[in-house]
């Protein structure tokens, strides 16, 4: 991979796009910077520091040699090829049609999502049973109100068929098992025109109230290996 990135540093833009995936573009920056560093580092015996007379201090006259710069290269390249530190994010688009070809009028797009953790398992498909952990909150009069919190005990839902709020369905699209996302769900994709009655310890939720959701896709029966995820979870908690 490093060789591909190094070669791409001098290639035309079209070639660079073919060689680099979205997650390796930072590698190109690191490789290009390292290459420039080597080009401009003085030859052996010279340094970056210019001595302007005999009064230069020992620290000013040491500088950085070419051999020292070469030693930096592996660390610089590895840092550039590391996974991006920023999270993936986006805004959902309307689904358009249902699997049967009819018009989908409830998944209309507009949910802001951001990955907290990217999973490694399967992706949910419409109609599949999924096990999820959820925390759903709303801000009412500058107060955070918890509407639902599974608190680490996953619940089962059929994905994409109306068992979850439309905005949660949309926000989960593209997730993989083991992943966690934060969603900002607009009011029409939350409870819409339906107000949620008050209950003990929680006020009523007005219609069209936007929601903040954190969802973790825990498991997709028939897609994920239950033993694999059991071992992974126990290793993480031990």
Protein backbone atom coordinates (compact mmCIF):
# COMPACT_ATOMS: atom_id res chain seq x y z
CA UNK A 1 0.00 0.00 0.00
CA UNK A 2 2.84 2.37 0.88
CA UNK A 3 4.42 1.75 -2.51
CA UNK A 4 1.14 2.59 -4.25
CA UNK A 5 0.78 5.81 -2.28
CA UNK A 6 4.40 6.79 -2.96
CA UNK A 7 3.98 6.17 -6.70
CA UNK A 8 0.71 8.10 -6.76
CA UNK A 9 2.40 11.20 -5.39
CA UNK A 10 3.70 12.02 -8.89
CA UNK A 11 0.77 10.62 -10.85
CA UNK A 12 -2.05 12.57 -12.55
CA UNK A 13 -5.18 13.23 -10.48
CA UNK A 14 -7.16 10.55 -12.29
CA UNK A 15 -4.58 7.91 -11.36
CA UNK A 16 -4.52 9.08 -7.76
CA UNK A 17 -8.29 8.61 -7.49
CA UNK A 18 -7.97 5.06 -8.79
CA UNK A 19 -5.19 4.14 -6.39
CA UNK A 20 -6.51 5.78 -3.26
CA UNK A 21 -9.74 4.99 -1.48
CA UNK A 22 -11.45 7.61 0.59
CA UNK A 23 -9.76 6.35 3.75
CA UNK A 24 -6.25 6.43 2.25
CA UNK A 25 -6.24 9.97 0.88
CA UNK A 26 -4.55 11.14 4.05
CA UNK A 27 -1.78 8.66 3.14
CA UNK A 28 -1.10 10.60 -0.05
CA UNK A 29 -0.67 13.79 1.94
CA UNK A 30 1.81 12.10 4.25
CA UNK A 31 3.75 10.53 1.40
CA UNK A 32 3.87 13.76 -0.57
CA UNK A 33 5.05 15.67 2.49
CA UNK A 34 7.73 13.07 3.14
CA UNK A 35 8.89 13.19 -0.47
CA UNK A 36 9.14 16.97 -0.38
CA UNK A 37 11.03 16.69 2.87
CA UNK A 38 13.64 14.47 1.27
CA UNK A 39 13.94 16.71 -1.78
CA UNK A 40 14.64 19.80 0.28
CA UNK A 41 16.77 18.26 3.01
CA UNK A 42 20.41 19.20 2.43
CA UNK A 43 23.00 16.64 1.53
CA UNK A 44 25.04 14.84 4.12
CA UNK A 45 26.96 17.26 6.28
CA UNK A 46 24.54 20.14 5.69
CA UNK A 47 21.56 21.20 7.78
CA UNK A 48 18.34 23.20 7.52
CA UNK A 49 19.86 25.89 9.73
CA UNK A 50 21.84 28.60 8.03
CA UNK A 51 24.74 29.86 10.14
CA UNK A 52 24.79 33.62 9.75
CA UNK A 53 28.21 34.30 11.16
CA UNK A 54 30.42 32.96 13.82
CA UNK A 55 28.10 33.91 16.67
CA UNK A 56 25.58 31.12 16.05
CA UNK A 57 24.92 28.95 19.09
CA UNK A 58 25.57 25.15 19.05
CA UNK A 59 21.83 24.50 19.17
CA UNK A 60 21.23 26.73 16.13
CA UNK A 61 24.01 25.09 14.16
CA UNK A 62 22.84 21.48 14.61
CA UNK A 63 19.66 21.53 12.46
CA UNK A 64 18.26 18.39 10.82
CA UNK A 65 20.33 16.19 8.54
CA UNK A 66 19.14 14.14 5.62
CA UNK A 67 19.77 10.90 7.49
CA UNK A 68 17.61 12.12 10.38
CA UNK A 69 14.80 13.03 8.00
CA UNK A 70 14.94 9.54 6.46
CA UNK A 71 14.43 8.06 9.94
CA UNK A 72 11.20 10.07 10.26
CA UNK A 73 9.74 8.64 7.06
CA UNK A 74 8.27 5.34 8.40
CA UNK A 75 6.46 7.10 11.25
CA UNK A 76 5.14 9.76 8.90
CA UNK A 77 3.91 7.19 6.39
CA UNK A 78 2.23 5.02 9.04
CA UNK A 79 0.51 8.06 10.52
CA UNK A 80 -0.80 9.00 7.10
CA UNK A 81 -2.13 5.51 6.39
CA UNK A 82 -3.90 5.17 9.75
CA UNK A 83 -7.72 5.23 9.71
CA UNK A 84 -9.19 8.71 9.58
CA UNK A 85 -9.66 10.22 13.02
CA UNK A 86 -12.87 11.95 12.02
CA UNK A 87 -16.19 10.11 12.01
CA UNK A 88 -18.22 9.33 8.90
CA UNK A 89 -21.33 11.48 8.72
CA UNK A 90 -24.05 12.57 6.34
CA UNK A 91 -27.73 13.30 5.77
CA UNK A 92 -30.15 10.62 4.64
CA UNK A 93 -32.01 10.76 1.34
CA UNK A 94 -35.58 9.72 0.61
CA UNK A 95 -36.01 6.00 0.02
CA UNK A 96 -38.36 6.61 -2.91
CA UNK A 97 -39.98 3.20 -3.26
CA UNK A 98 -40.68 0.15 -1.13
CA UNK A 99 -39.32 -3.31 -2.00
CA UNK A 100 -42.69 -4.12 -3.63
CA UNK A 101 -42.34 -1.11 -5.95
CA UNK A 102 -44.96 1.07 -4.25
CA UNK A 103 -44.15 4.64 -3.23
CA UNK A 104 -42.51 5.09 0.17
CA UNK A 105 -44.16 8.10 1.77
CA UNK A 106 -42.67 7.90 5.26
CA UNK A 107 -38.90 7.68 4.65
CA UNK A 108 -38.52 11.14 3.15
CA UNK A 109 -34.89 11.92 4.03
CA UNK A 110 -33.24 14.62 6.11
CA UNK A 111 -31.83 12.71 9.11
CA UNK A 112 -28.36 13.87 10.14
CA UNK A 113 -26.15 10.95 11.18
CA UNK A 114 -22.65 10.50 12.51
CA UNK A 115 -20.77 7.29 13.22
CA UNK A 116 -19.45 6.94 16.74
CA UNK A 117 -18.14 3.45 16.01
CA UNK A 118 -18.08 1.67 12.64
CA UNK A 119 -19.19 -1.96 12.88
CA UNK A 120 -17.75 -4.98 11.11
CA UNK A 121 -20.75 -7.27 10.73
CA UNK A 122 -23.71 -7.42 8.39
CA UNK A 123 -25.89 -4.57 7.12
CA UNK A 124 -29.65 -4.63 7.80
CA UNK A 125 -32.03 -5.10 4.91
CA UNK A 126 -35.69 -4.13 4.86
CA UNK A 127 -37.79 -6.74 6.63
CA UNK A 128 -34.92 -8.32 8.57
CA UNK A 129 -35.08 -8.75 12.33
CA UNK A 130 -32.44 -6.62 14.07
CA UNK A 131 -31.39 -6.33 17.70
CA UNK A 132 -30.58 -2.75 18.70
CA UNK A 133 -29.77 -0.66 21.72
CA UNK A 134 -31.42 2.76 21.68
CA UNK A 135 -31.39 5.96 23.63
CA UNK A 136 -33.97 8.47 22.38
CA UNK A 137 -34.08 11.97 23.85
CA UNK A 138 -35.76 15.31 23.14
CA UNK A 139 -34.91 18.82 24.27
CA UNK A 140 -37.94 20.47 25.83
CA UNK A 141 -37.61 23.92 27.37
CA UNK A 142 -33.82 23.52 27.59
CA UNK A 143 -34.20 20.22 29.39
CA UNK A 144 -33.17 16.80 28.04
CA UNK A 145 -36.07 14.39 28.28
CA UNK A 146 -35.42 10.66 27.85
CA UNK A 147 -38.18 9.08 25.80
CA UNK A 148 -36.72 5.59 25.53
CA UNK A 149 -33.52 3.96 26.78
CA UNK A 150 -32.87 0.23 26.40
CA UNK A 151 -29.97 0.65 28.87
CA UNK A 152 -27.85 -2.13 27.43
CA UNK A 153 -30.66 -4.65 26.91
CA UNK A 154 -31.19 -4.94 23.13
CA UNK A 155 -34.68 -4.97 21.66
CA UNK A 156 -35.77 -6.71 18.48
CA UNK A 157 -37.41 -4.87 15.59
CA UNK A 158 -38.20 -5.52 11.95
CA UNK A 159 -36.08 -3.06 10.05
CA UNK A 160 -37.67 -0.65 7.59
CA UNK A 161 -41.30 -1.75 7.96
CA UNK A 162 -42.60 0.76 10.49
CA UNK A 163 -41.66 -0.89 13.79
CA UNK A 164 -39.01 1.79 14.33
CA UNK A 165 -39.53 5.51 13.78
CA UNK A 166 -38.95 6.38 10.10
CA UNK A 167 -35.99 8.57 11.03
CA UNK A 168 -34.31 5.74 12.94
CA UNK A 169 -34.82 3.39 9.98
CA UNK A 170 -33.19 5.96 7.70
CA UNK A 171 -30.36 6.68 10.08
CA UNK A 172 -29.49 2.99 10.43
CA UNK A 173 -29.15 2.46 6.69
CA UNK A 174 -25.60 1.43 5.87
CA UNK A 175 -24.71 0.57 9.46
CA UNK A 176 -22.91 -2.68 10.21
CA UNK A 177 -23.36 -4.90 13.22
CA UNK A 178 -21.31 -3.63 16.15
CA UNK A 179 -21.59 -0.03 14.98
CA UNK A 180 -23.00 2.94 16.86
CA UNK A 181 -24.49 6.10 15.37
CA UNK A 182 -25.84 9.39 16.60
CA UNK A 183 -28.90 10.67 14.77
CA UNK A 184 -30.70 13.99 14.65
CA UNK A 185 -34.21 13.11 13.60
CA UNK A 186 -36.51 15.90 12.31
CA UNK A 187 -39.97 16.06 13.86
CA UNK A 188 -41.84 14.74 10.79
CA UNK A 189 -39.59 11.64 10.78
CA UNK A 190 -40.04 11.14 14.53
CA UNK A 191 -43.60 11.11 15.93
CA UNK A 192 -44.84 13.53 13.27
CA UNK A 193 -48.30 14.90 13.92
CA UNK A 194 -48.80 12.55 16.87
CA UNK A 195 -48.12 13.93 20.35
CA UNK A 196 -46.77 11.49 22.93
CA UNK A 197 -48.77 11.54 26.19
CA UNK A 198 -47.01 12.24 29.47
CA UNK A 199 -46.17 9.41 31.82
CA UNK A 200 -44.69 9.14 35.29
CA UNK A 201 -41.37 10.97 35.32
CA UNK A 202 -41.70 12.31 31.76
CA UNK A 203 -43.68 15.23 30.30
CA UNK A 204 -45.76 15.00 27.16
CA UNK A 205 -43.88 15.23 23.87
CA UNK A 206 -45.46 17.74 21.47
CA UNK A 207 -46.07 16.76 17.87
CA UNK A 208 -43.22 17.28 15.39
CA UNK A 209 -40.60 17.38 18.15
CA UNK A 210 -37.07 16.67 16.82
CA UNK A 211 -35.25 13.80 18.52
CA UNK A 212 -31.66 12.90 19.31
CA UNK A 213 -30.97 9.19 19.00
CA UNK A 214 -27.97 7.02 19.75
CA UNK A 215 -28.40 3.59 18.23
CA UNK A 216 -26.16 0.53 18.35
CA UNK A 217 -26.79 -2.31 15.91
CA UNK A 218 -26.08 -5.35 18.09
CA UNK A 219 -27.06 -8.34 15.97
CA UNK A 220 -28.82 -9.50 12.80
CA UNK A 221 -30.09 -13.08 13.20
CA UNK A 222 -29.20 -15.29 10.27
CA UNK A 223 -26.53 -12.84 9.09
CA UNK A 224 -24.10 -12.46 11.97
CA UNK A 225 -22.23 -15.26 13.71
CA UNK A 226 -23.56 -15.32 17.27
CA UNK A 227 -20.43 -17.05 18.54
CA UNK A 228 -18.12 -14.51 16.91
CA UNK A 229 -19.91 -11.57 18.50
CA UNK A 230 -20.17 -13.34 21.84
CA UNK A 231 -16.41 -13.87 21.91
CA UNK A 232 -15.73 -10.30 20.77
CA UNK A 233 -18.01 -8.83 23.45
CA UNK A 234 -16.53 -10.93 26.25
CA UNK A 235 -13.00 -10.04 25.17
CA UNK A 236 -13.91 -6.35 25.19
CA UNK A 237 -15.42 -6.44 28.68
CA UNK A 238 -12.73 -8.62 30.26
